[in-house]
Amino acid sequence: LSILKFLGFEQTFKNSLTGLPIGGSKGGSDFDPKGKSDYEIMRFCQCFMTELYKVIGPNSDVPAGDIGVGGREIGYLFGQYKKITGRHEGVLTGKGLSYGGSLARTEATGYGLIYLVEEM
């Protein structure tokens, strides 16, 4: 729990540097995907989103992948969000291109670091 609290603080701090009127948060689960089939991982992601969709949205909280959550999992989460709500909007970051994601997503963190160093 202490790591989760720190990550939530860190996200709030990072978001405050953007100048945008947004806060920050972190969430997670104790689901271990090791040894699980793709189907089991997909079903977990779908069940997770079935609860998560109630508290996220483009104007409230926009989750992103982190430790152990990549494009596949984001795709499963977004697919379930779209199925439940019928909406296709910017509710998750890290989506694949077929879901409206960014072509530069893989390199985005690296570009951010370069911009930071150049401004220092």
Foldseek 3Di string as FASTA:
>chain_A
DVVQVVVQVVQQVVVVVVVDPAGGHDDDDPDDCVPPDLVVLLVVLLVVLVVVLVQWDPPGHAEEDDVPDAQSSVQSNQVSSCVVPVDLDRRYARHDVVSVYDPCSVCVVVVVVVVVVVVD
